[in-house]
């Protein structure tokens, strides 16, 4: 019987994970987090095949807001090559949020718009 606190030989140890993370450039970490936020927001906006089954606009608002904050905070740290498609994706999510809302926010008050400016749609 194995102890639950002892890591198995199949799973990497903390030192191995830290070493792997240390080798990843910061830009890649930022872009990966942004893509994960975008994907989660798309699911919560009902933009996947399952659509309405996972739709939750309150959760989508939080994810879009976090994505906009991350992109705003990292604007000087990531190149235009990385930032442009992320900003385009953010804008698409903001427009999708506006369209999905029964009572849309006023322009400038939607998720992430304090970082991006008003989204009209």
PDB file of N, CA and C in Angstrom:
ATOM      1  N   UNK A   1       0.846  -1.177   0.000  1.00  0.00           N
ATOM      2  CA  UNK A   1       0.000   0.000   0.000  1.00  0.00           C
ATOM      3  C   UNK A   1       0.888   1.236   0.000  1.00  0.00           C
ATOM      4  N   UNK A   2       0.568   2.201  -0.834  1.00  0.00           N
ATOM      5  CA  UNK A   2       1.407   3.398  -0.918  1.00  0.00           C
ATOM      6  C   UNK A   2       0.791   4.526  -0.110  1.00  0.00           C
ATOM      7  N   UNK A   3       1.650   5.372   0.388  1.00  0.00           N
ATOM      8  CA  UNK A   3       1.219   6.546   1.161  1.00  0.00           C
ATOM      9  C   UNK A   3       0.704   7.608   0.190  1.00  0.00           C
ATOM     10  N   UNK A   4      -0.449   8.225   0.478  1.00  0.00           N
ATOM     11  CA  UNK A   4      -1.058   9.215  -0.420  1.00  0.00           C
ATOM     12  C   UNK A   4      -0.200  10.460  -0.571  1.00  0.00           C
ATOM     13  N   UNK A   5       0.676  10.733   0.396  1.00  0.00           N
ATOM     14  CA  UNK A   5       1.501  11.940   0.323  1.00  0.00           C
ATOM     15  C   UNK A   5       2.793  11.712  -0.448  1.00  0.00           C
ATOM     16  N   UNK A   6       3.105  10.473  -0.763  1.00  0.00           N
ATOM     17  CA  UNK A   6       4.317  10.158  -1.509  1.00  0.00           C
ATOM     18  C   UNK A   6       4.018  10.235  -3.001  1.00  0.00           C
ATOM     19  N   UNK A   7       4.752  11.082  -3.744  1.00  0.00           N
ATOM     20  CA  UNK A   7       4.486  11.170  -5.186  1.00  0.00           C
ATOM     21  C   UNK A   7       4.819   9.858  -5.872  1.00  0.00           C
ATOM     22  N   UNK A   8       3.993   9.477  -6.834  1.00  0.00           N
ATOM     23  CA  UNK A   8       4.261   8.243  -7.571  1.00  0.00           C
ATOM     24  C   UNK A   8       5.411   8.473  -8.543  1.00  0.00           C
ATOM     25  N   UNK A   9       6.023   7.391  -8.970  1.00  0.00           N
ATOM     26  CA  UNK A   9       7.136   7.524  -9.911  1.00  0.00           C
ATOM     27  C   UNK A   9       6.640   7.956 -11.291  1.00  0.00           C
ATOM     28  N   UNK A  10       5.327   7.830 -11.550  1.00  0.00           N
ATOM     29  CA  UNK A  10       4.762   8.231 -12.837  1.00  0.00           C
ATOM     30  C   UNK A  10       4.547   9.738 -12.942  1.00  0.00           C
ATOM     31  N   UNK A  11       4.377  10.417 -11.827  1.00  0.00           N
ATOM     32  CA  UNK A  11       4.103  11.855 -11.875  1.00  0.00           C
ATOM     33  C   UNK A  11       5.379  12.632 -11.594  1.00  0.00           C
ATOM     34  N   UNK A  12       5.537  13.755 -12.286  1.00  0.00           N
ATOM     35  CA  UNK A  12       6.753  14.549 -12.080  1.00  0.00           C
ATOM     36  C   UNK A  12       6.735  15.206 -10.698  1.00  0.00           C
ATOM     37  N   UNK A  13       7.907  15.364 -10.128  1.00  0.00           N
ATOM     38  CA  UNK A  13       8.021  16.030  -8.842  1.00  0.00           C
ATOM     39  C   UNK A  13       7.987  17.542  -9.000  1.00  0.00           C
ATOM     40  N   UNK A  14       7.863  18.241  -7.893  1.00  0.00           N
ATOM     41  CA  UNK A  14       7.805  19.697  -7.925  1.00  0.00           C
ATOM     42  C   UNK A  14       9.067  20.281  -8.547  1.00  0.00           C
ATOM     43  N   UNK A  15      10.211  19.731  -8.215  1.00  0.00           N
ATOM     44  CA  UNK A  15      11.467  20.246  -8.778  1.00  0.00           C
ATOM     45  C   UNK A  15      11.501  20.098 -10.298  1.00  0.00           C
ATOM     46  N   UNK A  16      10.990  18.970 -10.793  1.00  0.00           N
ATOM     47  CA  UNK A  16      10.943  18.762 -12.246  1.00  0.00           C
ATOM     48  C   UNK A  16      10.013  19.768 -12.908  1.00  0.00           C
ATOM     49  N   UNK A  17       8.841  19.999 -12.299  1.00  0.00           N
ATOM     50  CA  UNK A  17       7.891  20.955 -12.868  1.00  0.00           C
ATOM     51  C   UNK A  17       8.462  22.369 -12.841  1.00  0.00           C
ATOM     52  N   UNK A  18       9.121  22.735 -11.743  1.00  0.00           N
ATOM     53  CA  UNK A  18       9.711  24.069 -11.645  1.00  0.00           C
ATOM     54  C   UNK A  18      10.798  24.256 -12.696  1.00  0.00           C
ATOM     55  N   UNK A  19      11.592  23.237 -12.926  1.00  0.00           N
ATOM     56  CA  UNK A  19      12.649  23.308 -13.934  1.00  0.00           C
ATOM     57  C   UNK A  19      12.019  23.460 -15.326  1.00  0.00           C
ATOM     58  N   UNK A  20      10.955  22.710 -15.609  1.00  0.00           N
ATOM     59  CA  UNK A  20      10.275  22.826 -16.895  1.00  0.00           C
ATOM     60  C   UNK A  20       9.701  24.224 -17.090  1.00  0.00           C
ATOM     61  N   UNK A  21       9.071  24.771 -16.073  1.00  0.00           N
ATOM     62  CA  UNK A  21       8.496  26.114 -16.150  1.00  0.00           C
ATOM     63  C   UNK A  21       9.596  27.153 -16.334  1.00  0.00           C
ATOM     64  N   UNK A  22      10.720  26.950 -15.684  1.00  0.00           N
ATOM     65  CA  UNK A  22      11.825  27.899 -15.779  1.00  0.00           C
ATOM     66  C   UNK A  22      12.359  28.009 -17.200  1.00  0.00           C
ATOM     67  N   UNK A  23      12.172  26.982 -17.997  1.00  0.00           N
ATOM     68  CA  UNK A  23      12.674  26.984 -19.367  1.00  0.00           C
ATOM     69  C   UNK A  23      11.722  27.636 -20.365  1.00  0.00           C
ATOM     70  N   UNK A  24      10.509  27.973 -19.924  1.00  0.00           N
ATOM     71  CA  UNK A  24       9.503  28.550 -20.819  1.00  0.00           C
ATOM     72  C   UNK A  24       9.606  30.069 -20.771  1.00  0.00           C
ATOM     73  N   UNK A  25       9.743  30.725 -21.922  1.00  0.00           N
ATOM     74  CA  UNK A  25       9.796  32.189 -21.940  1.00  0.00           C
ATOM     75  C   UNK A  25       8.481  32.792 -21.427  1.00  0.00           C
ATOM     76  N   UNK A  26       8.593  33.931 -20.777  1.00  0.00           N
ATOM     77  CA  UNK A  26       7.429  34.608 -20.195  1.00  0.00           C
ATOM     78  C   UNK A  26       6.350  34.878 -21.237  1.00  0.00           C
ATOM     79  N   UNK A  27       6.747  35.243 -22.445  1.00  0.00           N
ATOM     80  CA  UNK A  27       5.773  35.528 -23.505  1.00  0.00           C
ATOM     81  C   UNK A  27       4.906  34.300 -23.776  1.00  0.00           C
ATOM     82  N   UNK A  28       5.502  33.135 -23.778  1.00  0.00           N
ATOM     83  CA  UNK A  28       4.737  31.909 -24.007  1.00  0.00           C
ATOM     84  C   UNK A  28       3.752  31.645 -22.878  1.00  0.00           C
ATOM     85  N   UNK A  29       4.153  31.915 -21.653  1.00  0.00           N
ATOM     86  CA  UNK A  29       3.260  31.730 -20.511  1.00  0.00           C
ATOM     87  C   UNK A  29       2.080  32.693 -20.627  1.00  0.00           C
ATOM     88  N   UNK A  30       2.352  33.950 -20.932  1.00  0.00           N
ATOM     89  CA  UNK A  30       1.295  34.961 -21.065  1.00  0.00           C
ATOM     90  C   UNK A  30       0.332  34.585 -22.183  1.00  0.00           C
ATOM     91  N   UNK A  31       0.854  34.204 -23.329  1.00  0.00           N
ATOM     92  CA  UNK A  31       0.005  33.842 -24.472  1.00  0.00           C
ATOM     93  C   UNK A  31      -0.827  32.601 -24.145  1.00  0.00           C
ATOM     94  N   UNK A  32      -0.230  31.622 -23.482  1.00  0.00           N
ATOM     95  CA  UNK A  32      -0.962  30.407 -23.113  1.00  0.00           C
ATOM     96  C   UNK A  32      -2.109  30.725 -22.167  1.00  0.00           C
ATOM     97  N   UNK A  33      -1.847  31.554 -21.177  1.00  0.00           N
ATOM     98  CA  UNK A  33      -2.911  31.949 -20.241  1.00  0.00           C
ATOM     99  C   UNK A  33      -4.006  32.704 -20.989  1.00  0.00           C
ATOM    100  N   UNK A  34      -3.629  33.607 -21.880  1.00  0.00           N
ATOM    101  CA  UNK A  34      -4.614  34.372 -22.647  1.00  0.00           C
ATOM    102  C   UNK A  34      -5.480  33.451 -23.506  1.00  0.00           C
ATOM    103  N   UNK A  35      -4.865  32.488 -24.161  1.00  0.00           N
ATOM    104  CA  UNK A  35      -5.622  31.552 -25.000  1.00  0.00           C
ATOM    105  C   UNK A  35      -6.569  30.713 -24.144  1.00  0.00           C
ATOM    106  N   UNK A  36      -6.125  30.299 -22.971  1.00  0.00           N
ATOM    107  CA  UNK A  36      -6.997  29.544 -22.071  1.00  0.00           C
ATOM    108  C   UNK A  36      -8.184  30.393 -21.614  1.00  0.00           C
ATOM    109  N   UNK A  37      -7.945  31.663 -21.301  1.00  0.00           N
ATOM    110  CA  UNK A  37      -9.038  32.562 -20.922  1.00  0.00           C
ATOM    111  C   UNK A  37     -10.007  32.747 -22.087  1.00  0.00           C
ATOM    112  N   UNK A  38      -9.468  32.904 -23.301  1.00  0.00           N
ATOM    113  CA  UNK A  38     -10.317  33.065 -24.485  1.00  0.00           C
ATOM    114  C   UNK A  38     -11.181  31.827 -24.702  1.00  0.00           C
ATOM    115  N   UNK A  39     -10.585  30.666 -24.591  1.00  0.00           N
ATOM    116  CA  UNK A  39     -11.324  29.419 -24.798  1.00  0.00           C
ATOM    117  C   UNK A  39     -12.425  29.247 -23.758  1.00  0.00           C
ATOM    118  N   UNK A  40     -12.089  29.505 -22.507  1.00  0.00           N
ATOM    119  CA  UNK A  40     -13.091  29.381 -21.448  1.00  0.00           C
ATOM    120  C   UNK A  40     -14.223  30.385 -21.642  1.00  0.00           C
ATOM    121  N   UNK A  41     -13.888  31.608 -22.041  1.00  0.00           N
ATOM    122  CA  UNK A  41     -14.916  32.629 -22.276  1.00  0.00           C
ATOM    123  C   UNK A  41     -15.820  32.216 -23.433  1.00  0.00           C
ATOM    124  N   UNK A  42     -15.255  31.658 -24.483  1.00  0.00           N
ATOM    125  CA  UNK A  42     -16.061  31.213 -25.627  1.00  0.00           C
ATOM    126  C   UNK A  42     -17.054  30.138 -25.200  1.00  0.00           C
ATOM    127  N   UNK A  43     -16.610  29.216 -24.355  1.00  0.00           N
ATOM    128  CA  UNK A  43     -17.510  28.170 -23.853  1.00  0.00           C
ATOM    129  C   UNK A  43     -18.631  28.808 -23.035  1.00  0.00           C
ATOM    130  N   UNK A  44     -18.279  29.712 -22.140  1.00  0.00           N
ATOM    131  CA  UNK A  44     -19.286  30.345 -21.269  1.00  0.00           C
ATOM    132  C   UNK A  44     -20.216  31.274 -22.043  1.00  0.00           C
ATOM    133  N   UNK A  45     -19.785  31.726 -23.219  1.00  0.00           N
ATOM    134  CA  UNK A  45     -20.656  32.548 -24.064  1.00  0.00           C
ATOM    135  C   UNK A  45     -21.556  31.691 -24.955  1.00  0.00           C
ATOM    136  N   UNK A  46     -21.378  30.375 -24.894  1.00  0.00           N
ATOM    137  CA  UNK A  46     -22.198  29.483 -25.700  1.00  0.00           C
ATOM    138  C   UNK A  46     -21.754  29.398 -27.142  1.00  0.00           C
ATOM    139  N   UNK A  47     -20.489  29.653 -27.414  1.00  0.00           N
ATOM    140  CA  UNK A  47     -19.981  29.677 -28.784  1.00  0.00           C
ATOM    141  C   UNK A  47     -19.426  28.333 -29.252  1.00  0.00           C
ATOM    142  N   UNK A  48     -19.615  27.295 -28.464  1.00  0.00           N
ATOM    143  CA  UNK A  48     -19.130  25.974 -28.841  1.00  0.00           C
ATOM    144  C   UNK A  48     -20.280  25.150 -29.418  1.00  0.00           C
ATOM    145  N   UNK A  49     -19.977  23.926 -29.843  1.00  0.00           N
ATOM    146  CA  UNK A  49     -21.003  23.055 -30.406  1.00  0.00           C
ATOM    147  C   UNK A  49     -22.141  22.801 -29.418  1.00  0.00           C
ATOM    148  N   UNK A  50     -21.806  22.682 -28.137  1.00  0.00           N
ATOM    149  CA  UNK A  50     -22.832  22.437 -27.122  1.00  0.00           C
ATOM    150  C   UNK A  50     -23.670  23.681 -26.864  1.00  0.00           C
ATOM    151  N   UNK A  51     -23.145  24.834 -27.254  1.00  0.00           N
ATOM    152  CA  UNK A  51     -23.859  26.108 -27.164  1.00  0.00           C
ATOM    153  C   UNK A  51     -24.466  26.398 -25.809  1.00  0.00           C
ATOM    154  N   UNK A  52     -25.760  26.370 -25.753  1.00  0.00           N
ATOM    155  CA  UNK A  52     -26.515  26.784 -24.578  1.00  0.00           C
ATOM    156  C   UNK A  52     -26.237  25.932 -23.337  1.00  0.00           C
ATOM    157  N   UNK A  53     -25.776  24.719 -23.508  1.00  0.00           N
ATOM    158  CA  UNK A  53     -25.575  23.820 -22.368  1.00  0.00           C
ATOM    159  C   UNK A  53     -24.582  24.384 -21.357  1.00  0.00           C
ATOM    160  N   UNK A  54     -23.596  25.141 -21.807  1.00  0.00           N
ATOM    161  CA  UNK A  54     -22.567  25.662 -20.908  1.00  0.00           C
ATOM    162  C   UNK A  54     -22.610  27.184 -20.788  1.00  0.00           C
ATOM    163  N   UNK A  55     -23.609  27.792 -21.378  1.00  0.00           N
ATOM    164  CA  UNK A  55     -23.685  29.260 -21.399  1.00  0.00           C
ATOM    165  C   UNK A  55     -23.914  29.805 -19.996  1.00  0.00           C
ATOM    166  N   UNK A  56     -23.065  30.761 -19.616  1.00  0.00           N
ATOM    167  CA  UNK A  56     -23.162  31.410 -18.312  1.00  0.00           C
ATOM    168  C   UNK A  56     -22.521  32.791 -18.462  1.00  0.00           C
ATOM    169  N   UNK A  57     -23.351  33.798 -18.691  1.00  0.00           N
ATOM    170  CA  UNK A  57     -22.821  35.133 -18.979  1.00  0.00           C
ATOM    171  C   UNK A  57     -22.104  35.763 -17.798  1.00  0.00           C
ATOM    172  N   UNK A  58     -22.495  35.418 -16.582  1.00  0.00           N
ATOM    173  CA  UNK A  58     -21.790  35.953 -15.415  1.00  0.00           C
ATOM    174  C   UNK A  58     -20.347  35.451 -15.396  1.00  0.00           C
ATOM    175  N   UNK A  59     -20.164  34.177 -15.662  1.00  0.00           N
ATOM    176  CA  UNK A  59     -18.818  33.601 -15.724  1.00  0.00           C
ATOM    177  C   UNK A  59     -18.061  34.151 -16.938  1.00  0.00           C
ATOM    178  N   UNK A  60     -18.743  34.295 -18.056  1.00  0.00           N
ATOM    179  CA  UNK A  60     -18.104  34.839 -19.262  1.00  0.00           C
ATOM    180  C   UNK A  60     -17.597  36.246 -19.014  1.00  0.00           C
ATOM    181  N   UNK A  61     -18.381  37.064 -18.308  1.00  0.00           N
ATOM    182  CA  UNK A  61     -17.975  38.437 -17.986  1.00  0.00           C
ATOM    183  C   UNK A  61     -16.653  38.436 -17.230  1.00  0.00           C
ATOM    184  N   UNK A  62     -16.533  37.574 -16.246  1.00  0.00           N
ATOM    185  CA  UNK A  62     -15.312  37.500 -15.440  1.00  0.00           C
ATOM    186  C   UNK A  62     -14.109  37.105 -16.297  1.00  0.00           C
ATOM    187  N   UNK A  63     -14.306  36.134 -17.161  1.00  0.00           N
ATOM    188  CA  UNK A  63     -13.211  35.662 -18.005  1.00  0.00           C
ATOM    189  C   UNK A  63     -12.773  36.715 -19.017  1.00  0.00           C
ATOM    190  N   UNK A  64     -13.732  37.403 -19.633  1.00  0.00           N
ATOM    191  CA  UNK A  64     -13.397  38.450 -20.601  1.00  0.00           C
ATOM    192  C   UNK A  64     -12.704  39.607 -19.893  1.00  0.00           C
ATOM    193  N   UNK A  65     -13.180  39.957 -18.702  1.00  0.00           N
ATOM    194  CA  UNK A  65     -12.553  41.024 -17.914  1.00  0.00           C
ATOM    195  C   UNK A  65     -11.101  40.656 -17.575  1.00  0.00           C
ATOM    196  N   UNK A  66     -10.885  39.411 -17.155  1.00  0.00           N
ATOM    197  CA  UNK A  66      -9.531  38.962 -16.813  1.00  0.00           C
ATOM    198  C   UNK A  66      -8.626  38.970 -18.044  1.00  0.00           C
ATOM    199  N   UNK A  67      -9.157  38.535 -19.178  1.00  0.00           N
ATOM    200  CA  UNK A  67      -8.381  38.537 -20.415  1.00  0.00           C
ATOM    201  C   UNK A  67      -7.984  39.956 -20.796  1.00  0.00           C
ATOM    202  N   UNK A  68      -8.923  40.890 -20.729  1.00  0.00           N
ATOM    203  CA  UNK A  68      -8.626  42.280 -21.075  1.00  0.00           C
ATOM    204  C   UNK A  68      -7.572  42.857 -20.130  1.00  0.00           C
ATOM    205  N   UNK A  69      -7.679  42.553 -18.855  1.00  0.00           N
ATOM    206  CA  UNK A  69      -6.689  43.033 -17.889  1.00  0.00           C
ATOM    207  C   UNK A  69      -5.310  42.462 -18.154  1.00  0.00           C
ATOM    208  N   UNK A  70      -5.257  41.171 -18.471  1.00  0.00           N
ATOM    209  CA  UNK A  70      -3.973  40.537 -18.780  1.00  0.00           C
ATOM    210  C   UNK A  70      -3.343  41.163 -20.016  1.00  0.00           C
ATOM    211  N   UNK A  71      -4.139  41.354 -21.058  1.00  0.00           N
ATOM    212  CA  UNK A  71      -3.592  41.938 -22.292  1.00  0.00           C
ATOM    213  C   UNK A  71      -3.159  43.379 -22.074  1.00  0.00           C
ATOM    214  N   UNK A  72      -3.893  44.117 -21.282  1.00  0.00           N
ATOM    215  CA  UNK A  72      -3.515  45.496 -20.991  1.00  0.00           C
ATOM    216  C   UNK A  72      -2.212  45.532 -20.195  1.00  0.00           C
ATOM    217  N   UNK A  73      -2.123  44.691 -19.186  1.00  0.00           N
ATOM    218  CA  UNK A  73      -0.940  44.677 -18.324  1.00  0.00           C
ATOM    219  C   UNK A  73       0.307  44.185 -19.053  1.00  0.00           C
ATOM    220  N   UNK A  74       0.119  43.307 -20.025  1.00  0.00           N
ATOM    221  CA  UNK A  74       1.281  42.725 -20.705  1.00  0.00           C
ATOM    222  C   UNK A  74       1.564  43.371 -22.060  1.00  0.00           C
ATOM    223  N   UNK A  75       0.872  44.436 -22.386  1.00  0.00           N
ATOM    224  CA  UNK A  75       1.013  45.068 -23.711  1.00  0.00           C
ATOM    225  C   UNK A  75       2.457  45.411 -24.049  1.00  0.00           C
ATOM    226  N   UNK A  76       3.214  45.889 -23.095  1.00  0.00           N
ATOM    227  CA  UNK A  76       4.605  46.263 -23.383  1.00  0.00           C
ATOM    228  C   UNK A  76       5.555  45.067 -23.294  1.00  0.00           C
ATOM    229  N   UNK A  77       5.048  43.938 -22.837  1.00  0.00           N
ATOM    230  CA  UNK A  77       5.907  42.774 -22.639  1.00  0.00           C
ATOM    231  C   UNK A  77       5.848  41.778 -23.791  1.00  0.00           C
ATOM    232  N   UNK A  78       4.743  41.792 -24.547  1.00  0.00           N
ATOM    233  CA  UNK A  78       4.624  40.852 -25.662  1.00  0.00           C
ATOM    234  C   UNK A  78       4.627  41.641 -26.964  1.00  0.00           C
ATOM    235  N   UNK A  79       5.133  41.025 -27.994  1.00  0.00           N
ATOM    236  CA  UNK A  79       5.270  41.712 -29.276  1.00  0.00           C
ATOM    237  C   UNK A  79       3.916  41.877 -29.963  1.00  0.00           C
ATOM    238  N   UNK A  80       3.882  42.749 -30.950  1.00  0.00           N
ATOM    239  CA  UNK A  80       2.674  42.941 -31.747  1.00  0.00           C
ATOM    240  C   UNK A  80       2.286  41.639 -32.424  1.00  0.00           C
ATOM    241  N   UNK A  81       3.265  40.842 -32.796  1.00  0.00           N
ATOM    242  CA  UNK A  81       3.024  39.535 -33.414  1.00  0.00           C
ATOM    243  C   UNK A  81       2.105  38.686 -32.543  1.00  0.00           C
ATOM    244  N   UNK A  82       2.331  38.716 -31.231  1.00  0.00           N
ATOM    245  CA  UNK A  82       1.506  37.946 -30.303  1.00  0.00           C
ATOM    246  C   UNK A  82       0.254  38.722 -29.885  1.00  0.00           C
ATOM    247  N   UNK A  83       0.402  40.025 -29.695  1.00  0.00           N
ATOM    248  CA  UNK A  83      -0.686  40.822 -29.131  1.00  0.00           C
ATOM    249  C   UNK A  83      -1.847  41.034 -30.099  1.00  0.00           C
ATOM    250  N   UNK A  84      -1.570  41.240 -31.369  1.00  0.00           N
ATOM    251  CA  UNK A  84      -2.634  41.553 -32.334  1.00  0.00           C
ATOM    252  C   UNK A  84      -3.725  40.490 -32.405  1.00  0.00           C
ATOM    253  N   UNK A  85      -3.385  39.206 -32.586  1.00  0.00           N
ATOM    254  CA  UNK A  85      -4.460  38.215 -32.638  1.00  0.00           C
ATOM    255  C   UNK A  85      -5.192  38.071 -31.307  1.00  0.00           C
ATOM    256  N   UNK A  86      -4.485  38.290 -30.204  1.00  0.00           N
ATOM    257  CA  UNK A  86      -5.147  38.209 -28.895  1.00  0.00           C
ATOM    258  C   UNK A  86      -6.137  39.354 -28.726  1.00  0.00           C
ATOM    259  N   UNK A  87      -5.748  40.555 -29.158  1.00  0.00           N
ATOM    260  CA  UNK A  87      -6.668  41.700 -29.090  1.00  0.00           C
ATOM    261  C   UNK A  87      -7.871  41.487 -30.001  1.00  0.00           C
ATOM    262  N   UNK A  88      -7.646  40.912 -31.178  1.00  0.00           N
ATOM    263  CA  UNK A  88      -8.755  40.613 -32.087  1.00  0.00           C
ATOM    264  C   UNK A  88      -9.717  39.608 -31.451  1.00  0.00           C
ATOM    265  N   UNK A  89      -9.153  38.589 -30.831  1.00  0.00           N
ATOM    266  CA  UNK A  89      -9.984  37.588 -30.148  1.00  0.00           C
ATOM    267  C   UNK A  89     -10.770  38.192 -29.007  1.00  0.00           C
ATOM    268  N   UNK A  90     -10.127  39.068 -28.248  1.00  0.00           N
ATOM    269  CA  UNK A  90     -10.808  39.753 -27.147  1.00  0.00           C
ATOM    270  C   UNK A  90     -11.980  40.569 -27.676  1.00  0.00           C
ATOM    271  N   UNK A  91     -11.754  41.322 -28.738  1.00  0.00           N
ATOM    272  CA  UNK A  91     -12.832  42.140 -29.305  1.00  0.00           C
ATOM    273  C   UNK A  91     -13.993  41.261 -29.772  1.00  0.00           C
ATOM    274  N   UNK A  92     -13.688  40.140 -30.387  1.00  0.00           N
ATOM    275  CA  UNK A  92     -14.737  39.217 -30.825  1.00  0.00           C
ATOM    276  C   UNK A  92     -15.541  38.692 -29.641  1.00  0.00           C
ATOM    277  N   UNK A  93     -14.859  38.381 -28.558  1.00  0.00           N
ATOM    278  CA  UNK A  93     -15.556  37.910 -27.360  1.00  0.00           C
ATOM    279  C   UNK A  93     -16.418  39.022 -26.754  1.00  0.00           C
ATOM    280  N   UNK A  94     -15.896  40.243 -26.751  1.00  0.00           N
ATOM    281  CA  UNK A  94     -16.670  41.363 -26.224  1.00  0.00           C
ATOM    282  C   UNK A  94     -17.931  41.590 -27.061  1.00  0.00           C
ATOM    283  N   UNK A  95     -17.807  41.504 -28.376  1.00  0.00           N
ATOM    284  CA  UNK A  95     -18.977  41.643 -29.249  1.00  0.00           C
ATOM    285  C   UNK A  95     -19.967  40.499 -29.028  1.00  0.00           C
ATOM    286  N   UNK A  96     -19.453  39.289 -28.888  1.00  0.00           N
ATOM    287  CA  UNK A  96     -20.321  38.135 -28.639  1.00  0.00           C
ATOM    288  C   UNK A  96     -21.048  38.288 -27.310  1.00  0.00           C
ATOM    289  N   UNK A  97     -20.359  38.824 -26.314  1.00  0.00           N
ATOM    290  CA  UNK A  97     -20.988  39.056 -25.013  1.00  0.00           C
ATOM    291  C   UNK A  97     -22.126  40.067 -25.163  1.00  0.00           C
ATOM    292  N   UNK A  98     -21.861  41.140 -25.873  1.00  0.00           N
ATOM    293  CA  UNK A  98     -22.876  42.182 -26.086  1.00  0.00           C
ATOM    294  C   UNK A  98     -24.096  41.592 -26.789  1.00  0.00           C
ATOM    295  N   UNK A  99     -23.864  40.770 -27.812  1.00  0.00           N
ATOM    296  CA  UNK A  99     -24.961  40.162 -28.566  1.00  0.00           C
ATOM    297  C   UNK A  99     -25.736  39.146 -27.735  1.00  0.00           C
ATOM    298  N   UNK A 100     -25.059  38.443 -26.841  1.00  0.00           N
ATOM    299  CA  UNK A 100     -25.716  37.410 -26.027  1.00  0.00           C
ATOM    300  C   UNK A 100     -26.501  37.995 -24.855  1.00  0.00           C
ATOM    301  N   UNK A 101     -26.201  39.220 -24.478  1.00  0.00           N
ATOM    302  CA  UNK A 101     -26.858  39.841 -23.318  1.00  0.00           C
ATOM    303  C   UNK A 101     -28.267  40.280 -23.667  1.00  0.00           C
ATOM    304  N   UNK A 102     -29.205  39.928 -22.790  1.00  0.00           N
ATOM    305  CA  UNK A 102     -30.587  40.372 -22.983  1.00  0.00           C
ATOM    306  C   UNK A 102     -30.687  41.883 -22.848  1.00  0.00           C
ATOM    307  N   UNK A 103     -29.951  42.429 -21.883  1.00  0.00           N
ATOM    308  CA  UNK A 103     -29.880  43.876 -21.685  1.00  0.00           C
ATOM    309  C   UNK A 103     -28.404  44.243 -21.767  1.00  0.00           C
ATOM    310  N   UNK A 104     -27.947  44.632 -22.971  1.00  0.00           N
ATOM    311  CA  UNK A 104     -26.517  44.924 -23.143  1.00  0.00           C
ATOM    312  C   UNK A 104     -26.046  46.093 -22.272  1.00  0.00           C
ATOM    313  N   UNK A 105     -24.799  45.997 -21.833  1.00  0.00           N
ATOM    314  CA  UNK A 105     -24.178  47.093 -21.083  1.00  0.00           C
ATOM    315  C   UNK A 105     -24.066  48.308 -21.986  1.00  0.00           C
ATOM    316  N   UNK A 106     -24.041  49.476 -21.376  1.00  0.00           N
ATOM    317  CA  UNK A 106     -23.771  50.701 -22.130  1.00  0.00           C
ATOM    318  C   UNK A 106     -22.356  50.604 -22.704  1.00  0.00           C
ATOM    319  N   UNK A 107     -22.132  51.161 -23.898  1.00  0.00           N
ATOM    320  CA  UNK A 107     -20.764  51.153 -24.441  1.00  0.00           C
ATOM    321  C   UNK A 107     -19.778  51.757 -23.433  1.00  0.00           C
ATOM    322  N   UNK A 108     -18.693  51.055 -23.218  1.00  0.00           N
ATOM    323  CA  UNK A 108     -17.690  51.476 -22.252  1.00  0.00           C
ATOM    324  C   UNK A 108     -17.842  50.812 -20.897  1.00  0.00           C
ATOM    325  N   UNK A 109     -18.955  50.083 -20.688  1.00  0.00           N
ATOM    326  CA  UNK A 109     -19.201  49.442 -19.394  1.00  0.00           C
ATOM    327  C   UNK A 109     -19.286  47.922 -19.491  1.00  0.00           C
ATOM    328  N   UNK A 110     -19.034  47.375 -20.666  1.00  0.00           N
ATOM    329  CA  UNK A 110     -19.040  45.927 -20.833  1.00  0.00           C
ATOM    330  C   UNK A 110     -17.758  45.318 -20.288  1.00  0.00           C
ATOM    331  N   UNK A 111     -17.673  43.995 -20.285  1.00  0.00           N
ATOM    332  CA  UNK A 111     -16.481  43.343 -19.735  1.00  0.00           C
ATOM    333  C   UNK A 111     -15.217  43.726 -20.500  1.00  0.00           C
ATOM    334  N   UNK A 112     -14.244  44.197 -19.754  1.00  0.00           N
ATOM    335  CA  UNK A 112     -12.950  44.556 -20.319  1.00  0.00           C
ATOM    336  C   UNK A 112     -12.888  45.908 -20.986  1.00  0.00           C
ATOM    337  N   UNK A 113     -14.018  46.587 -21.094  1.00  0.00           N
ATOM    338  CA  UNK A 113     -14.025  47.847 -21.832  1.00  0.00           C
ATOM    339  C   UNK A 113     -13.315  48.981 -21.104  1.00  0.00           C
ATOM    340  N   UNK A 114     -13.077  48.832 -19.811  1.00  0.00           N
ATOM    341  CA  UNK A 114     -12.273  49.858 -19.137  1.00  0.00           C
ATOM    342  C   UNK A 114     -10.822  49.790 -19.610  1.00  0.00           C
ATOM    343  N   UNK A 115     -10.436  48.650 -20.176  1.00  0.00           N
ATOM    344  CA  UNK A 115      -9.085  48.496 -20.723  1.00  0.00           C
ATOM    345  C   UNK A 115      -9.021  48.759 -22.224  1.00  0.00           C
ATOM    346  N   UNK A 116     -10.087  48.410 -22.946  1.00  0.00           N
ATOM    347  CA  UNK A 116     -10.053  48.473 -24.404  1.00  0.00           C
ATOM    348  C   UNK A 116     -10.770  49.676 -24.978  1.00  0.00           C
ATOM    349  N   UNK A 117     -11.589  50.318 -24.187  1.00  0.00           N
ATOM    350  CA  UNK A 117     -12.459  51.361 -24.705  1.00  0.00           C
ATOM    351  C   UNK A 117     -13.785  50.751 -25.111  1.00  0.00           C
ATOM    352  N   UNK A 118     -14.748  51.584 -25.455  1.00  0.00           N
ATOM    353  CA  UNK A 118     -16.099  51.090 -25.778  1.00  0.00           C
ATOM    354  C   UNK A 118     -16.119  50.164 -26.990  1.00  0.00           C
ATOM    355  N   UNK A 119     -16.959  49.156 -26.908  1.00  0.00           N
ATOM    356  CA  UNK A 119     -17.189  48.227 -28.000  1.00  0.00           C
ATOM    357  C   UNK A 119     -18.625  48.464 -28.472  1.00  0.00           C
ATOM    358  N   UNK A 120     -18.782  48.725 -29.732  1.00  0.00           N
ATOM    359  CA  UNK A 120     -20.115  48.948 -30.301  1.00  0.00           C
ATOM    360  C   UNK A 120     -20.458  47.765 -31.188  1.00  0.00           C
ATOM    361  N   UNK A 121     -21.701  47.354 -31.127  1.00  0.00           N
ATOM    362  CA  UNK A 121     -22.066  46.236 -31.989  1.00  0.00           C
ATOM    363  C   UNK A 121     -23.531  45.969 -32.002  1.00  0.00           C
TER     364      UNK A 121
END
